[in-house]
N, C-alpha and C. Protein backbone atom coordinates (compact mmCIF):
# COMPACT_ATOMS: atom_id res chain seq x y z
N MET A 1 -31.69 25.73 27.62
CA MET A 1 -30.28 25.47 27.54
C MET A 1 -29.86 25.47 26.08
N THR A 2 -28.75 26.12 25.78
CA THR A 2 -28.31 26.20 24.40
C THR A 2 -27.63 24.91 23.98
N LYS A 3 -27.60 24.69 22.67
CA LYS A 3 -27.01 23.47 22.15
C LYS A 3 -25.53 23.36 22.51
N GLU A 4 -24.81 24.49 22.53
CA GLU A 4 -23.38 24.44 22.84
C GLU A 4 -23.12 23.95 24.26
N ASN A 5 -24.07 24.11 25.16
CA ASN A 5 -23.90 23.64 26.53
C ASN A 5 -24.22 22.16 26.68
N LYS A 6 -24.85 21.56 25.70
CA LYS A 6 -25.31 20.18 25.82
C LYS A 6 -24.18 19.20 26.08
N LEU A 7 -22.99 19.44 25.54
CA LEU A 7 -21.89 18.52 25.72
C LEU A 7 -20.87 19.03 26.72
N SER A 8 -21.23 20.02 27.50
CA SER A 8 -20.32 20.55 28.50
C SER A 8 -20.02 19.48 29.54
N LYS A 9 -18.79 19.51 30.03
CA LYS A 9 -18.31 18.50 30.98
C LYS A 9 -18.35 19.07 32.40
N ILE A 10 -18.98 18.31 33.30
CA ILE A 10 -19.10 18.70 34.70
C ILE A 10 -18.43 17.64 35.56
N LEU A 11 -17.53 18.09 36.43
CA LEU A 11 -16.97 17.21 37.44
C LEU A 11 -17.73 17.47 38.73
N LEU A 12 -18.34 16.43 39.26
CA LEU A 12 -19.11 16.51 40.49
C LEU A 12 -18.28 15.87 41.60
N VAL A 13 -18.01 16.63 42.67
CA VAL A 13 -17.17 16.14 43.76
C VAL A 13 -17.98 16.20 45.05
N ASP A 14 -18.35 15.03 45.58
CA ASP A 14 -19.16 14.97 46.79
C ASP A 14 -18.97 13.62 47.45
N ASP A 15 -18.77 13.61 48.77
CA ASP A 15 -18.54 12.36 49.49
C ASP A 15 -19.83 11.63 49.83
N GLU A 16 -20.98 12.24 49.60
CA GLU A 16 -22.26 11.56 49.81
C GLU A 16 -22.60 10.81 48.53
N VAL A 17 -22.32 9.52 48.51
CA VAL A 17 -22.41 8.72 47.29
C VAL A 17 -23.81 8.78 46.68
N GLY A 18 -24.85 8.60 47.49
CA GLY A 18 -26.22 8.61 46.98
C GLY A 18 -26.58 9.94 46.34
N PHE A 19 -26.22 11.03 47.00
CA PHE A 19 -26.49 12.36 46.46
C PHE A 19 -25.72 12.57 45.16
N ALA A 20 -24.44 12.19 45.16
CA ALA A 20 -23.60 12.38 43.97
C ALA A 20 -24.16 11.60 42.78
N GLU A 21 -24.59 10.36 43.02
CA GLU A 21 -25.12 9.55 41.93
C GLU A 21 -26.44 10.11 41.41
N LEU A 22 -27.29 10.57 42.30
CA LEU A 22 -28.57 11.16 41.89
C LEU A 22 -28.33 12.42 41.06
N LEU A 23 -27.47 13.32 41.55
CA LEU A 23 -27.20 14.55 40.82
C LEU A 23 -26.52 14.25 39.49
N ARG A 24 -25.59 13.29 39.49
CA ARG A 24 -24.94 12.87 38.22
C ARG A 24 -25.99 12.43 37.21
N ASP A 25 -26.91 11.57 37.63
CA ASP A 25 -27.93 11.06 36.72
C ASP A 25 -28.82 12.18 36.19
N LEU A 26 -29.18 13.13 37.05
CA LEU A 26 -30.01 14.25 36.62
C LEU A 26 -29.27 15.13 35.61
N LEU A 27 -27.99 15.36 35.84
CA LEU A 27 -27.21 16.18 34.91
C LEU A 27 -26.99 15.46 33.58
N ILE A 28 -26.81 14.14 33.63
CA ILE A 28 -26.67 13.36 32.39
C ILE A 28 -27.97 13.43 31.60
N MET A 29 -29.10 13.34 32.30
CA MET A 29 -30.39 13.45 31.61
C MET A 29 -30.54 14.81 30.95
N ASP A 30 -29.85 15.81 31.49
CA ASP A 30 -29.90 17.15 30.92
C ASP A 30 -28.79 17.34 29.88
N HIS A 31 -28.20 16.23 29.46
CA HIS A 31 -27.23 16.20 28.35
C HIS A 31 -25.87 16.81 28.68
N TYR A 32 -25.45 16.70 29.92
CA TYR A 32 -24.08 17.05 30.28
C TYR A 32 -23.28 15.76 30.33
N GLU A 33 -21.98 15.87 30.09
CA GLU A 33 -21.07 14.75 30.34
C GLU A 33 -20.58 14.94 31.77
N VAL A 34 -20.77 13.93 32.62
CA VAL A 34 -20.50 14.08 34.05
C VAL A 34 -19.57 12.97 34.53
N ASP A 35 -18.57 13.37 35.32
CA ASP A 35 -17.73 12.42 36.03
C ASP A 35 -17.84 12.76 37.51
N VAL A 36 -17.64 11.77 38.38
CA VAL A 36 -17.81 11.95 39.81
C VAL A 36 -16.53 11.59 40.55
N ALA A 37 -16.19 12.41 41.52
CA ALA A 37 -15.12 12.12 42.48
C ALA A 37 -15.73 12.23 43.87
N TYR A 38 -15.17 11.50 44.82
CA TYR A 38 -15.78 11.42 46.15
C TYR A 38 -15.02 12.18 47.23
N ASP A 39 -13.97 12.90 46.87
CA ASP A 39 -13.28 13.82 47.77
C ASP A 39 -12.37 14.71 46.93
N GLY A 40 -11.76 15.70 47.57
CA GLY A 40 -10.94 16.66 46.84
C GLY A 40 -9.70 16.06 46.19
N VAL A 41 -9.09 15.07 46.83
CA VAL A 41 -7.90 14.43 46.26
C VAL A 41 -8.27 13.76 44.94
N GLU A 42 -9.34 12.98 44.96
CA GLU A 42 -9.80 12.32 43.74
C GLU A 42 -10.26 13.36 42.71
N GLY A 43 -10.85 14.44 43.19
CA GLY A 43 -11.29 15.51 42.30
C GLY A 43 -10.12 16.10 41.51
N ILE A 44 -9.02 16.39 42.20
CA ILE A 44 -7.84 16.94 41.52
C ILE A 44 -7.31 15.95 40.49
N GLU A 45 -7.28 14.67 40.84
CA GLU A 45 -6.81 13.64 39.90
C GLU A 45 -7.70 13.62 38.65
N LYS A 46 -9.02 13.68 38.85
CA LYS A 46 -9.94 13.60 37.71
C LYS A 46 -9.91 14.85 36.84
N VAL A 47 -9.62 16.00 37.43
CA VAL A 47 -9.52 17.24 36.65
C VAL A 47 -8.46 17.08 35.55
N GLN A 48 -7.36 16.41 35.89
CA GLN A 48 -6.26 16.27 34.94
C GLN A 48 -6.65 15.45 33.71
N THR A 49 -7.47 14.43 33.89
CA THR A 49 -7.84 13.56 32.77
C THR A 49 -9.18 13.92 32.14
N PHE A 50 -10.14 14.35 32.95
CA PHE A 50 -11.49 14.63 32.46
C PHE A 50 -11.61 16.02 31.84
N LYS A 51 -10.83 16.97 32.33
CA LYS A 51 -10.83 18.35 31.84
C LYS A 51 -12.23 18.96 31.82
N PRO A 52 -12.82 19.15 33.01
CA PRO A 52 -14.20 19.66 33.08
C PRO A 52 -14.32 21.14 32.70
N ASP A 53 -15.51 21.50 32.26
CA ASP A 53 -15.84 22.90 31.99
C ASP A 53 -16.29 23.59 33.26
N VAL A 54 -16.88 22.83 34.18
CA VAL A 54 -17.37 23.34 35.46
C VAL A 54 -17.14 22.25 36.52
N ILE A 55 -16.85 22.69 37.75
CA ILE A 55 -16.75 21.77 38.87
C ILE A 55 -17.85 22.13 39.87
N ILE A 56 -18.65 21.13 40.23
CA ILE A 56 -19.63 21.28 41.30
C ILE A 56 -19.08 20.47 42.46
N SER A 57 -18.86 21.12 43.60
CA SER A 57 -18.19 20.44 44.70
C SER A 57 -18.87 20.71 46.04
N ASP A 58 -18.90 19.65 46.84
CA ASP A 58 -19.25 19.78 48.25
C ASP A 58 -18.09 20.52 48.92
N ILE A 59 -18.32 21.04 50.10
CA ILE A 59 -17.25 21.75 50.82
C ILE A 59 -16.57 20.83 51.81
N VAL A 60 -17.33 20.20 52.70
CA VAL A 60 -16.76 19.36 53.75
C VAL A 60 -16.71 17.91 53.27
N MET A 61 -15.46 17.42 53.07
CA MET A 61 -15.24 16.05 52.60
C MET A 61 -13.98 15.50 53.27
N PRO A 62 -13.85 14.16 53.33
CA PRO A 62 -12.63 13.58 53.89
C PRO A 62 -11.44 13.82 52.96
N ARG A 63 -10.26 13.65 53.48
CA ARG A 63 -8.96 13.77 52.81
C ARG A 63 -8.66 15.19 52.34
N MET A 64 -9.57 15.83 51.60
CA MET A 64 -9.35 17.21 51.15
C MET A 64 -10.71 17.87 50.94
N SER A 65 -10.89 19.02 51.56
CA SER A 65 -12.16 19.74 51.43
C SER A 65 -12.30 20.36 50.03
N GLY A 66 -13.51 20.76 49.73
CA GLY A 66 -13.75 21.45 48.47
C GLY A 66 -12.97 22.75 48.37
N PHE A 67 -12.86 23.48 49.48
CA PHE A 67 -12.10 24.74 49.47
C PHE A 67 -10.61 24.49 49.22
N GLU A 68 -10.06 23.43 49.84
CA GLU A 68 -8.65 23.11 49.61
C GLU A 68 -8.42 22.75 48.14
N MET A 69 -9.33 21.95 47.58
CA MET A 69 -9.24 21.58 46.17
C MET A 69 -9.30 22.84 45.30
N PHE A 70 -10.23 23.73 45.59
CA PHE A 70 -10.39 24.99 44.86
C PHE A 70 -9.07 25.77 44.86
N LYS A 71 -8.47 25.93 46.07
CA LYS A 71 -7.23 26.70 46.18
C LYS A 71 -6.10 26.07 45.39
N LYS A 72 -5.98 24.75 45.43
CA LYS A 72 -4.92 24.06 44.68
C LYS A 72 -5.11 24.22 43.17
N LEU A 73 -6.35 24.08 42.72
CA LEU A 73 -6.61 24.18 41.28
C LEU A 73 -6.41 25.62 40.78
N LYS A 74 -6.68 26.60 41.61
CA LYS A 74 -6.50 28.00 41.21
C LYS A 74 -5.03 28.38 41.09
N LEU A 75 -4.12 27.58 41.66
CA LEU A 75 -2.68 27.86 41.58
C LEU A 75 -2.08 27.49 40.23
N SER A 76 -2.72 26.58 39.50
CA SER A 76 -2.18 26.12 38.22
C SER A 76 -2.83 26.87 37.06
N PRO A 77 -2.02 27.40 36.13
CA PRO A 77 -2.58 28.10 34.97
C PRO A 77 -3.51 27.21 34.13
N GLU A 78 -3.27 25.89 34.14
CA GLU A 78 -4.09 24.97 33.35
C GLU A 78 -5.49 24.78 33.93
N THR A 79 -5.63 24.99 35.24
CA THR A 79 -6.93 24.73 35.87
C THR A 79 -7.53 25.97 36.55
N ALA A 80 -6.80 27.07 36.57
CA ALA A 80 -7.25 28.26 37.31
C ALA A 80 -8.56 28.84 36.80
N SER A 81 -8.85 28.65 35.52
CA SER A 81 -10.04 29.29 34.95
C SER A 81 -11.30 28.41 35.03
N ILE A 82 -11.19 27.20 35.58
CA ILE A 82 -12.38 26.34 35.69
C ILE A 82 -13.31 26.91 36.74
N PRO A 83 -14.54 27.24 36.36
CA PRO A 83 -15.48 27.79 37.36
C PRO A 83 -15.96 26.71 38.33
N PHE A 84 -16.19 27.14 39.56
CA PHE A 84 -16.66 26.26 40.64
C PHE A 84 -18.05 26.69 41.07
N LEU A 85 -18.85 25.70 41.42
CA LEU A 85 -20.11 25.92 42.12
C LEU A 85 -20.06 25.00 43.34
N PHE A 86 -20.19 25.58 44.53
CA PHE A 86 -20.14 24.78 45.75
C PHE A 86 -21.54 24.49 46.25
N ILE A 87 -21.70 23.29 46.81
CA ILE A 87 -22.94 22.88 47.47
C ILE A 87 -22.57 22.38 48.85
N THR A 88 -23.40 22.68 49.82
CA THR A 88 -23.10 22.24 51.19
C THR A 88 -24.37 22.04 51.99
N GLY A 89 -24.27 21.12 52.93
CA GLY A 89 -25.37 20.91 53.87
C GLY A 89 -25.19 21.75 55.12
N PHE A 90 -24.04 22.38 55.25
CA PHE A 90 -23.75 23.17 56.45
C PHE A 90 -24.29 24.58 56.31
N GLN A 91 -24.79 25.10 57.41
CA GLN A 91 -25.32 26.46 57.43
C GLN A 91 -24.40 27.37 58.24
N ASP A 92 -23.18 26.94 58.48
CA ASP A 92 -22.24 27.61 59.35
C ASP A 92 -21.72 28.91 58.72
N GLU A 93 -21.83 29.99 59.44
CA GLU A 93 -21.36 31.29 58.94
C GLU A 93 -19.85 31.29 58.72
N ARG A 94 -19.12 30.46 59.50
CA ARG A 94 -17.65 30.39 59.31
C ARG A 94 -17.32 29.83 57.93
N VAL A 95 -18.12 28.88 57.45
CA VAL A 95 -17.90 28.32 56.11
C VAL A 95 -18.10 29.41 55.06
N LEU A 96 -19.14 30.20 55.22
CA LEU A 96 -19.41 31.28 54.26
C LEU A 96 -18.32 32.35 54.33
N ALA A 97 -17.83 32.63 55.53
CA ALA A 97 -16.75 33.61 55.68
C ALA A 97 -15.48 33.11 55.00
N GLU A 98 -15.16 31.83 55.17
CA GLU A 98 -14.00 31.24 54.51
C GLU A 98 -14.16 31.30 53.00
N ALA A 99 -15.37 31.04 52.52
CA ALA A 99 -15.63 31.09 51.08
C ALA A 99 -15.34 32.48 50.53
N ARG A 100 -15.83 33.49 51.20
CA ARG A 100 -15.59 34.87 50.74
C ARG A 100 -14.10 35.20 50.77
N LYS A 101 -13.41 34.71 51.80
CA LYS A 101 -11.98 34.99 51.97
C LYS A 101 -11.15 34.45 50.81
N ILE A 102 -11.52 33.28 50.28
CA ILE A 102 -10.75 32.69 49.19
C ILE A 102 -11.32 33.04 47.81
N GLY A 103 -12.36 33.85 47.78
CA GLY A 103 -12.89 34.32 46.50
C GLY A 103 -14.01 33.48 45.93
N VAL A 104 -14.73 32.75 46.77
CA VAL A 104 -15.85 31.93 46.33
C VAL A 104 -17.15 32.63 46.70
N PHE A 105 -18.02 32.77 45.72
CA PHE A 105 -19.31 33.40 46.01
C PHE A 105 -20.49 32.53 45.60
N GLY A 106 -20.24 31.45 44.85
CA GLY A 106 -21.31 30.58 44.39
C GLY A 106 -21.48 29.38 45.30
N ILE A 107 -22.35 29.48 46.29
CA ILE A 107 -22.61 28.36 47.19
C ILE A 107 -24.11 28.12 47.25
N LEU A 108 -24.51 26.88 46.99
CA LEU A 108 -25.91 26.48 47.15
C LEU A 108 -26.00 25.58 48.37
N ARG A 109 -27.06 25.72 49.12
CA ARG A 109 -27.25 24.91 50.32
C ARG A 109 -28.13 23.71 50.00
N LYS A 110 -27.74 22.55 50.57
CA LYS A 110 -28.55 21.33 50.44
C LYS A 110 -29.71 21.44 51.40
N PRO A 111 -30.87 20.90 51.14
CA PRO A 111 -31.20 20.22 49.88
C PRO A 111 -31.30 21.23 48.74
N ILE A 112 -30.86 20.82 47.60
CA ILE A 112 -30.79 21.72 46.46
C ILE A 112 -31.92 21.47 45.48
N ASP A 113 -32.18 22.47 44.70
CA ASP A 113 -33.17 22.42 43.64
C ASP A 113 -32.40 22.21 42.34
N VAL A 114 -32.72 21.15 41.61
CA VAL A 114 -31.99 20.82 40.38
C VAL A 114 -32.04 21.97 39.38
N GLU A 115 -33.17 22.63 39.28
CA GLU A 115 -33.29 23.76 38.36
C GLU A 115 -32.33 24.88 38.75
N GLN A 116 -32.16 25.07 40.06
CA GLN A 116 -31.24 26.09 40.55
C GLN A 116 -29.80 25.75 40.13
N ILE A 117 -29.42 24.47 40.24
CA ILE A 117 -28.09 24.06 39.80
C ILE A 117 -27.93 24.26 38.30
N GLU A 118 -28.93 23.87 37.54
CA GLU A 118 -28.86 24.03 36.08
C GLU A 118 -28.69 25.50 35.71
N ASN A 119 -29.42 26.38 36.37
CA ASN A 119 -29.31 27.81 36.09
C ASN A 119 -27.91 28.33 36.41
N ARG A 120 -27.36 27.91 37.55
CA ARG A 120 -26.01 28.34 37.94
C ARG A 120 -24.96 27.80 36.98
N VAL A 121 -25.08 26.51 36.60
CA VAL A 121 -24.12 25.91 35.67
C VAL A 121 -24.17 26.65 34.34
N ASN A 122 -25.37 26.92 33.84
CA ASN A 122 -25.50 27.65 32.58
C ASN A 122 -24.86 29.03 32.68
N ALA A 123 -25.06 29.72 33.79
CA ALA A 123 -24.46 31.04 33.97
C ALA A 123 -22.94 30.94 33.99
N LEU A 124 -22.39 29.92 34.66
CA LEU A 124 -20.94 29.74 34.69
C LEU A 124 -20.40 29.43 33.30
N LEU A 125 -21.10 28.59 32.56
CA LEU A 125 -20.65 28.24 31.20
C LEU A 125 -20.71 29.45 30.28
N ASP A 126 -21.75 30.25 30.44
CA ASP A 126 -21.90 31.44 29.59
C ASP A 126 -20.83 32.48 29.89
N SER A 127 -20.32 32.50 31.13
CA SER A 127 -19.35 33.51 31.51
C SER A 127 -17.91 33.11 31.15
N LYS A 128 -17.72 31.88 30.71
CA LYS A 128 -16.36 31.41 30.36
C LYS A 128 -15.83 32.08 29.11
């Protein structure tokens, strides 16, 4: 990981509290600044104040799904360029079809490999 990525800000949005806290701690250990939201509504609120470089989001969550949050953030010029990485425990082909329909191609399935997330985050940061 390059030094410029060490202070990159990641917003992690997942309603599974234990998973979110574990992933947050692992990303902090890897020298990212991480904030956590537990659904899409809270995620949108935190984007405004935290200003993340990357958003890692679950897809299926209460109040607002990850896809709904993605679509709302893509409508605003201030947040449209924030790259997303989605993670999901669902293996449903309809979810993947919906992802392709709205322009999402980065989805990792749970259980996830931390190294795989780090590689994807680095690729997203490098492409910004």
